[in-house]
Amino acid sequence: MDTELCSYPELNKHGFTCPVEMTMDVIGGKWKCIVIHQLLDGPKRFNELRRLMPRVTQRMLTLQLRELERDGLVARRIYNQVPPKVEYSLTEFGWELAPIVRSMMDWALKHGDTVMEHRSQSLAETQA
């Protein structure tokens, strides 16, 4: 694979030097892939996502959903009822990320213990 700047003129015009950089710009961030992962099971309301992701703040989840919606990966549907009901779901475009997110999950299940062992070892070495 050619990784030189001039090899990706279709990305260069948008300010990116490689496809991975552009992808990380779209799905990077602490919570975006987790939001996508949760939406693989179907549409979710905001508070349902909050319950499924207890460590994310309301403000951060709102920001991540807005960015995913802006980039065309997530659709926001507002139902005309009282009280208002809003659901978030993956768009067809967003569904194209499903294999990537599932691969990330598989990688974590396969290598998670090893990563945590390395972290513990590194912490022990820095405290010694």
C-alpha atoms as a PDB file:
ATOM      1  CA  MET A   1       0.000   0.000   0.000  1.00  0.00           C
ATOM      2  CA  ASP A   2       1.349   3.389  -1.000  1.00  0.00           C
ATOM      3  CA  THR A   3       1.307   5.838   1.904  1.00  0.00           C
ATOM      4  CA  GLU A   4       2.790   8.930   0.281  1.00  0.00           C
ATOM      5  CA  LEU A   5       0.841  12.188   0.551  1.00  0.00           C
ATOM      6  CA  CYS A   6       0.362  12.488  -3.203  1.00  0.00           C
ATOM      7  CA  SER A   7      -1.070   8.977  -3.392  1.00  0.00           C
ATOM      8  CA  TYR A   8      -4.454  10.092  -2.073  1.00  0.00           C
ATOM      9  CA  PRO A   9      -5.419  13.241  -3.995  1.00  0.00           C
ATOM     10  CA  GLU A  10      -9.099  12.521  -3.348  1.00  0.00           C
ATOM     11  CA  LEU A  11      -8.375  12.828   0.401  1.00  0.00           C
ATOM     12  CA  ASN A  12      -5.699  15.529   0.166  1.00  0.00           C
ATOM     13  CA  LYS A  13      -8.267  18.006  -1.141  1.00  0.00           C
ATOM     14  CA  HIS A  14     -10.120  17.563   2.170  1.00  0.00           C
ATOM     15  CA  GLY A  15      -6.958  18.051   4.244  1.00  0.00           C
ATOM     16  CA  PHE A  16      -6.234  14.410   5.056  1.00  0.00           C
ATOM     17  CA  THR A  17      -3.010  12.591   4.291  1.00  0.00           C
ATOM     18  CA  CYS A  18      -4.260   9.018   4.484  1.00  0.00           C
ATOM     19  CA  PRO A  19      -7.523   7.056   4.613  1.00  0.00           C
ATOM     20  CA  VAL A  20      -7.036   6.029   8.251  1.00  0.00           C
ATOM     21  CA  GLU A  21      -6.638   9.679   9.262  1.00  0.00           C
ATOM     22  CA  MET A  22      -9.920  10.551   7.566  1.00  0.00           C
ATOM     23  CA  THR A  23     -11.694   7.566   9.121  1.00  0.00           C
ATOM     24  CA  MET A  24     -10.404   8.491  12.587  1.00  0.00           C
ATOM     25  CA  ASP A  25     -11.614  12.055  12.048  1.00  0.00           C
ATOM     26  CA  VAL A  26     -15.112  10.670  11.474  1.00  0.00           C
ATOM     27  CA  ILE A  27     -15.294   7.882  14.085  1.00  0.00           C
ATOM     28  CA  GLY A  28     -12.536   8.951  16.486  1.00  0.00           C
ATOM     29  CA  GLY A  29     -13.411  10.242  19.895  1.00  0.00           C
ATOM     30  CA  LYS A  30     -13.914   8.286  23.049  1.00  0.00           C
ATOM     31  CA  TRP A  31     -17.592   7.467  22.533  1.00  0.00           C
ATOM     32  CA  LYS A  32     -18.418   7.464  18.803  1.00  0.00           C
ATOM     33  CA  CYS A  33     -17.581   3.811  18.130  1.00  0.00           C
ATOM     34  CA  ILE A  34     -19.427   2.824  21.292  1.00  0.00           C
ATOM     35  CA  VAL A  35     -22.510   4.749  20.135  1.00  0.00           C
ATOM     36  CA  ILE A  36     -22.282   3.002  16.770  1.00  0.00           C
ATOM     37  CA  HIS A  37     -21.865  -0.343  18.549  1.00  0.00           C
ATOM     38  CA  GLN A  38     -24.994   0.273  20.650  1.00  0.00           C
ATOM     39  CA  LEU A  39     -27.003   1.300  17.583  1.00  0.00           C
ATOM     40  CA  LEU A  40     -26.124  -1.967  15.819  1.00  0.00           C
ATOM     41  CA  ASP A  41     -28.892  -3.514  17.950  1.00  0.00           C
ATOM     42  CA  GLY A  42     -31.442  -1.031  16.593  1.00  0.00           C
ATOM     43  CA  PRO A  43     -32.721   2.485  17.273  1.00  0.00           C
ATOM     44  CA  LYS A  44     -32.218   3.877  20.759  1.00  0.00           C
ATOM     45  CA  ARG A  45     -33.513   6.850  22.678  1.00  0.00           C
ATOM     46  CA  PHE A  46     -31.042   9.232  24.288  1.00  0.00           C
ATOM     47  CA  ASN A  47     -31.596   8.005  27.854  1.00  0.00           C
ATOM     48  CA  GLU A  48     -31.336   4.398  26.719  1.00  0.00           C
ATOM     49  CA  LEU A  49     -27.899   5.174  25.275  1.00  0.00           C
ATOM     50  CA  ARG A  50     -26.977   6.875  28.562  1.00  0.00           C
ATOM     51  CA  ARG A  51     -27.957   3.748  30.516  1.00  0.00           C
ATOM     52  CA  LEU A  52     -25.955   1.540  28.153  1.00  0.00           C
ATOM     53  CA  MET A  53     -22.948   3.870  28.428  1.00  0.00           C
ATOM     54  CA  PRO A  54     -22.924   4.908  32.106  1.00  0.00           C
ATOM     55  CA  ARG A  55     -19.499   6.588  31.980  1.00  0.00           C
ATOM     56  CA  VAL A  56     -20.437   9.111  29.277  1.00  0.00           C
ATOM     57  CA  THR A  57     -21.749  12.498  30.381  1.00  0.00           C
ATOM     58  CA  GLN A  58     -24.967  13.890  28.957  1.00  0.00           C
ATOM     59  CA  ARG A  59     -23.051  16.736  27.322  1.00  0.00           C
ATOM     60  CA  MET A  60     -20.496  14.428  25.694  1.00  0.00           C
ATOM     61  CA  LEU A  61     -23.136  12.010  24.409  1.00  0.00           C
ATOM     62  CA  THR A  62     -25.055  14.934  22.910  1.00  0.00           C
ATOM     63  CA  LEU A  63     -21.891  16.196  21.220  1.00  0.00           C
ATOM     64  CA  GLN A  64     -20.943  12.766  19.852  1.00  0.00           C
ATOM     65  CA  LEU A  65     -24.471  12.144  18.521  1.00  0.00           C
ATOM     66  CA  ARG A  66     -24.518  15.564  16.836  1.00  0.00           C
ATOM     67  CA  GLU A  67     -21.174  14.882  15.146  1.00  0.00           C
ATOM     68  CA  LEU A  68     -22.277  11.427  13.993  1.00  0.00           C
ATOM     69  CA  GLU A  69     -25.495  12.965  12.672  1.00  0.00           C
ATOM     70  CA  ARG A  70     -23.563  15.784  10.960  1.00  0.00           C
ATOM     71  CA  ASP A  71     -21.350  13.236   9.197  1.00  0.00           C
ATOM     72  CA  GLY A  72     -24.362  11.237   8.011  1.00  0.00           C
ATOM     73  CA  LEU A  73     -23.743   8.133  10.129  1.00  0.00           C
ATOM     74  CA  VAL A  74     -26.641   8.534  12.558  1.00  0.00           C
ATOM     75  CA  ALA A  75     -30.215   9.642  11.922  1.00  0.00           C
ATOM     76  CA  ARG A  76     -32.251  11.477  14.532  1.00  0.00           C
ATOM     77  CA  ARG A  77     -35.995  10.873  14.343  1.00  0.00           C
ATOM     78  CA  ILE A  78     -38.388  13.102  16.248  1.00  0.00           C
ATOM     79  CA  TYR A  79     -41.869  11.715  16.847  1.00  0.00           C
ATOM     80  CA  ASN A  80     -44.745  14.190  16.925  1.00  0.00           C
ATOM     81  CA  GLN A  81     -46.110  13.354  20.355  1.00  0.00           C
ATOM     82  CA  VAL A  82     -46.207  14.677  23.903  1.00  0.00           C
ATOM     83  CA  PRO A  83     -43.830  14.265  25.585  1.00  0.00           C
ATOM     84  CA  PRO A  84     -41.505  14.434  22.579  1.00  0.00           C
ATOM     85  CA  LYS A  85     -39.827  11.177  21.617  1.00  0.00           C
ATOM     86  CA  VAL A  86     -36.467  11.171  19.826  1.00  0.00           C
ATOM     87  CA  GLU A  87     -34.710   8.070  18.523  1.00  0.00           C
ATOM     88  CA  TYR A  88     -31.250   7.646  17.072  1.00  0.00           C
ATOM     89  CA  SER A  89     -30.412   4.990  14.507  1.00  0.00           C
ATOM     90  CA  LEU A  90     -27.655   4.166  12.073  1.00  0.00           C
ATOM     91  CA  THR A  91     -28.097   5.371   8.526  1.00  0.00           C
ATOM     92  CA  GLU A  92     -27.291   3.111   5.598  1.00  0.00           C
ATOM     93  CA  PHE A  93     -23.965   4.954   5.467  1.00  0.00           C
ATOM     94  CA  GLY A  94     -23.426   4.314   9.190  1.00  0.00           C
ATOM     95  CA  TRP A  95     -24.150   0.600   8.762  1.00  0.00           C
ATOM     96  CA  GLU A  96     -21.068   0.372   6.549  1.00  0.00           C
ATOM     97  CA  LEU A  97     -19.023   0.784   9.745  1.00  0.00           C
ATOM     98  CA  ALA A  98     -20.572  -2.319  11.353  1.00  0.00           C
ATOM     99  CA  PRO A  99     -17.770  -4.684  10.248  1.00  0.00           C
ATOM    100  CA  ILE A 100     -15.143  -2.281  11.608  1.00  0.00           C
ATOM    101  CA  VAL A 101     -16.858  -1.942  14.985  1.00  0.00           C
ATOM    102  CA  ARG A 102     -17.426  -5.696  15.206  1.00  0.00           C
ATOM    103  CA  SER A 103     -13.751  -6.288  14.384  1.00  0.00           C
ATOM    104  CA  MET A 104     -12.803  -3.896  17.191  1.00  0.00           C
ATOM    105  CA  MET A 105     -15.011  -5.883  19.563  1.00  0.00           C
ATOM    106  CA  ASP A 106     -13.451  -9.172  18.442  1.00  0.00           C
ATOM    107  CA  TRP A 107      -9.950  -7.732  18.861  1.00  0.00           C
ATOM    108  CA  ALA A 108     -10.738  -6.584  22.413  1.00  0.00           C
ATOM    109  CA  LEU A 109     -12.188  -9.962  23.363  1.00  0.00           C
ATOM    110  CA  LYS A 110      -9.109 -11.703  21.970  1.00  0.00           C
ATOM    111  CA  HIS A 111      -6.431  -9.333  23.288  1.00  0.00           C
ATOM    112  CA  GLY A 112      -8.019  -7.472  26.213  1.00  0.00           C
ATOM    113  CA  ASP A 113      -6.321  -9.534  28.930  1.00  0.00           C
ATOM    114  CA  THR A 114      -2.931  -9.096  27.269  1.00  0.00           C
ATOM    115  CA  VAL A 115      -3.372  -5.332  27.019  1.00  0.00           C
ATOM    116  CA  MET A 116      -4.344  -5.094  30.686  1.00  0.00           C
ATOM    117  CA  GLU A 117      -1.340  -7.243  31.682  1.00  0.00           C
ATOM    118  CA  HIS A 118       0.953  -4.881  29.766  1.00  0.00           C
ATOM    119  CA  ARG A 119      -0.643  -1.890  31.478  1.00  0.00           C
ATOM    120  CA  SER A 120      -0.226  -3.443  34.917  1.00  0.00           C
ATOM    121  CA  GLN A 121       3.374  -4.337  34.153  1.00  0.00           C
ATOM    122  CA  SER A 122       4.106  -0.830  32.898  1.00  0.00           C
ATOM    123  CA  LEU A 123       2.492   0.716  35.976  1.00  0.00           C
ATOM    124  CA  ALA A 124       4.510  -1.555  38.272  1.00  0.00           C
ATOM    125  CA  GLU A 125       7.723  -0.572  36.474  1.00  0.00           C
ATOM    126  CA  THR A 126       7.021   3.154  36.769  1.00  0.00           C
ATOM    127  CA  GLN A 127       6.207   2.812  40.474  1.00  0.00           C
ATOM    128  CA  ALA A 128       9.372   0.810  41.210  1.00  0.00           C
END
